[in-house]
C-alpha atoms as a PDB file:
ATOM      1  CA  MET A   1     -34.980  25.608  36.299  1.00  0.00           C
ATOM      2  CA  SER A   2     -36.018  27.285  39.523  1.00  0.00           C
ATOM      3  CA  ASP A   3     -35.140  23.979  41.438  1.00  0.00           C
ATOM      4  CA  CYS A   4     -31.407  24.682  40.524  1.00  0.00           C
ATOM      5  CA  LEU A   5     -31.677  28.225  42.338  1.00  0.00           C
ATOM      6  CA  ARG A   6     -32.406  26.120  45.556  1.00  0.00           C
ATOM      7  CA  CYS A   7     -30.100  23.182  44.999  1.00  0.00           C
ATOM      8  CA  GLY A   8     -26.442  23.589  44.087  1.00  0.00           C
ATOM      9  CA  ALA A   9     -25.771  20.123  44.738  1.00  0.00           C
ATOM     10  CA  CYS A  10     -23.970  19.575  41.346  1.00  0.00           C
ATOM     11  CA  CYS A  11     -21.679  22.236  42.498  1.00  0.00           C
ATOM     12  CA  ALA A  12     -20.820  20.657  45.485  1.00  0.00           C
ATOM     13  CA  HIS A  13     -20.394  16.988  44.174  1.00  0.00           C
ATOM     14  CA  PHE A  14     -18.488  16.838  41.138  1.00  0.00           C
ATOM     15  CA  ARG A  15     -14.789  17.896  40.113  1.00  0.00           C
ATOM     16  CA  VAL A  16     -15.167  20.420  37.115  1.00  0.00           C
ATOM     17  CA  ASP A  17     -12.250  19.976  34.621  1.00  0.00           C
ATOM     18  CA  PHE A  18     -12.152  21.697  31.384  1.00  0.00           C
ATOM     19  CA  SER A  19      -9.851  23.381  28.833  1.00  0.00           C
ATOM     20  CA  VAL A  20      -7.408  25.955  29.841  1.00  0.00           C
ATOM     21  CA  TYR A  21      -8.722  27.887  26.893  1.00  0.00           C
ATOM     22  CA  GLU A  22     -11.993  28.757  28.477  1.00  0.00           C
ATOM     23  CA  THR A  23      -9.982  30.751  31.248  1.00  0.00           C
ATOM     24  CA  ALA A  24      -9.669  34.559  30.946  1.00  0.00           C
ATOM     25  CA  SER A  25      -5.838  34.565  30.296  1.00  0.00           C
ATOM     26  CA  TYR A  26      -6.468  32.561  26.934  1.00  0.00           C
ATOM     27  CA  CYS A  27      -9.278  34.877  25.979  1.00  0.00           C
ATOM     28  CA  GLY A  28     -12.087  32.702  27.402  1.00  0.00           C
ATOM     29  CA  SER A  29     -14.476  33.771  30.082  1.00  0.00           C
ATOM     30  CA  VAL A  30     -13.769  31.802  33.225  1.00  0.00           C
ATOM     31  CA  PRO A  31     -11.822  33.988  35.798  1.00  0.00           C
ATOM     32  CA  ASP A  32      -8.233  32.900  36.147  1.00  0.00           C
ATOM     33  CA  GLY A  33      -8.397  33.138  39.971  1.00  0.00           C
ATOM     34  CA  LEU A  34     -11.086  30.402  40.001  1.00  0.00           C
ATOM     35  CA  VAL A  35      -9.162  27.673  38.336  1.00  0.00           C
ATOM     36  CA  VAL A  36      -6.166  25.531  39.323  1.00  0.00           C
ATOM     37  CA  GLU A  37      -3.959  23.524  36.805  1.00  0.00           C
ATOM     38  CA  VAL A  38      -4.552  19.918  36.474  1.00  0.00           C
ATOM     39  CA  ALA A  39      -2.159  18.688  33.606  1.00  0.00           C
ATOM     40  CA  GLY A  40      -1.404  20.058  30.181  1.00  0.00           C
ATOM     41  CA  ALA A  41      -4.260  22.324  29.003  1.00  0.00           C
ATOM     42  CA  THR A  42      -6.737  21.033  31.649  1.00  0.00           C
ATOM     43  CA  VAL A  43      -7.832  23.099  34.561  1.00  0.00           C
ATOM     44  CA  ARG A  44     -10.220  22.636  37.430  1.00  0.00           C
ATOM     45  CA  MET A  45     -12.687  25.000  39.063  1.00  0.00           C
ATOM     46  CA  ARG A  46     -11.158  25.742  42.456  1.00  0.00           C
ATOM     47  CA  GLY A  47     -12.847  24.303  45.420  1.00  0.00           C
ATOM     48  CA  THR A  48     -13.605  21.011  43.221  1.00  0.00           C
ATOM     49  CA  ASP A  49      -9.862  20.064  43.558  1.00  0.00           C
ATOM     50  CA  HIS A  50     -10.399  18.329  47.035  1.00  0.00           C
ATOM     51  CA  TRP A  51     -12.884  16.461  49.096  1.00  0.00           C
ATOM     52  CA  PRO A  52     -15.675  17.360  49.674  1.00  0.00           C
ATOM     53  CA  PRO A  53     -15.735  19.371  46.455  1.00  0.00           C
ATOM     54  CA  ARG A  54     -17.649  22.717  46.579  1.00  0.00           C
ATOM     55  CA  CYS A  55     -16.852  25.027  43.783  1.00  0.00           C
ATOM     56  CA  ALA A  56     -15.507  28.309  44.749  1.00  0.00           C
ATOM     57  CA  ALA A  57     -18.085  30.258  42.610  1.00  0.00           C
ATOM     58  CA  LEU A  58     -21.001  28.745  44.596  1.00  0.00           C
ATOM     59  CA  THR A  59     -22.774  31.069  47.040  1.00  0.00           C
ATOM     60  CA  GLY A  60     -25.372  30.022  49.478  1.00  0.00           C
ATOM     61  CA  THR A  61     -26.746  27.128  51.227  1.00  0.00           C
ATOM     62  CA  ILE A  62     -27.093  23.766  49.267  1.00  0.00           C
ATOM     63  CA  GLY A  63     -30.701  22.698  49.114  1.00  0.00           C
ATOM     64  CA  GLU A  64     -32.078  26.141  50.133  1.00  0.00           C
ATOM     65  CA  ARG A  65     -30.894  28.952  48.030  1.00  0.00           C
ATOM     66  CA  VAL A  66     -27.750  29.192  45.896  1.00  0.00           C
ATOM     67  CA  ALA A  67     -26.186  31.233  43.218  1.00  0.00           C
ATOM     68  CA  CYS A  68     -23.275  31.025  40.810  1.00  0.00           C
ATOM     69  CA  ALA A  69     -21.069  33.922  41.256  1.00  0.00           C
ATOM     70  CA  ILE A  70     -19.691  33.626  37.530  1.00  0.00           C
ATOM     71  CA  TYR A  71     -22.940  32.379  35.987  1.00  0.00           C
ATOM     72  CA  GLU A  72     -22.354  34.125  32.671  1.00  0.00           C
ATOM     73  CA  TRP A  73     -18.871  33.180  32.702  1.00  0.00           C
ATOM     74  CA  ARG A  74     -19.004  29.485  33.809  1.00  0.00           C
ATOM     75  CA  PRO A  75     -17.212  26.824  31.939  1.00  0.00           C
ATOM     76  CA  SER A  76     -18.584  24.343  29.487  1.00  0.00           C
ATOM     77  CA  PRO A  77     -19.036  21.344  32.124  1.00  0.00           C
ATOM     78  CA  CYS A  78     -21.491  23.658  33.972  1.00  0.00           C
ATOM     79  CA  ARG A  79     -23.109  24.791  30.873  1.00  0.00           C
ATOM     80  CA  GLU A  80     -23.740  21.466  29.745  1.00  0.00           C
ATOM     81  CA  PHE A  81     -25.012  19.991  33.113  1.00  0.00           C
ATOM     82  CA  GLU A  82     -28.680  18.779  32.786  1.00  0.00           C
ATOM     83  CA  ALA A  83     -31.037  19.341  35.589  1.00  0.00           C
ATOM     84  CA  GLY A  84     -32.985  16.195  36.235  1.00  0.00           C
ATOM     85  CA  SER A  85     -30.358  13.830  34.722  1.00  0.00           C
ATOM     86  CA  ASP A  86     -28.702  10.760  36.460  1.00  0.00           C
ATOM     87  CA  ALA A  87     -25.752  12.884  37.450  1.00  0.00           C
ATOM     88  CA  CYS A  88     -27.976  15.457  38.978  1.00  0.00           C
ATOM     89  CA  ALA A  89     -29.853  12.974  40.900  1.00  0.00           C
ATOM     90  CA  ARG A  90     -26.443  11.505  42.377  1.00  0.00           C
ATOM     91  CA  ALA A  91     -25.239  14.763  43.507  1.00  0.00           C
ATOM     92  CA  ARG A  92     -28.777  15.604  45.018  1.00  0.00           C
ATOM     93  CA  ALA A  93     -28.931  12.216  46.951  1.00  0.00           C
ATOM     94  CA  ARG A  94     -25.439  12.824  48.324  1.00  0.00           C
ATOM     95  CA  HIS A  95     -26.839  16.128  49.767  1.00  0.00           C
ATOM     96  CA  GLY A  96     -29.992  14.333  51.036  1.00  0.00           C
ATOM     97  CA  LEU A  97     -32.275  15.924  48.238  1.00  0.00           C
ATOM     98  CA  PRO A  98     -34.897  13.875  46.338  1.00  0.00           C
ATOM     99  CA  ALA A  99     -34.131  13.659  42.553  1.00  0.00           C
ATOM    100  CA  LEU A 100     -35.819  16.023  40.130  1.00  0.00           C
ATOM    101  CA  ALA A 101     -38.045  14.967  37.101  1.00  0.00           C
ATOM    102  CA  ALA A 102     -35.941  15.242  33.971  1.00  0.00           C
ATOM    103  CA  ASP A 103     -37.214  18.100  31.592  1.00  0.00           C
ATOM    104  CA  GLY A 104     -39.433  17.283  28.773  1.00  0.00           C
END
């Protein structure tokens, strides 16, 4: 969705936790330098580990033009996030952006 290329609110609103097995050192794709350990087999995207969160892989200005520096290697929570969902609307509202219409 082209709106996502201007938005980026989700990348600067939520903590992004996922399995350590998605990291490069465990034969996954997420670069090791972009994660911090949470507990056990759980890691978090660097930058989403404090408040206000902003993923270290996010480039650009929220609401104007953004990109994910590791888009091809992003973790499962990012792959599964749905533009236009309730979570999307909450993230956009925090950044003063209007909600998107859900796909479909």
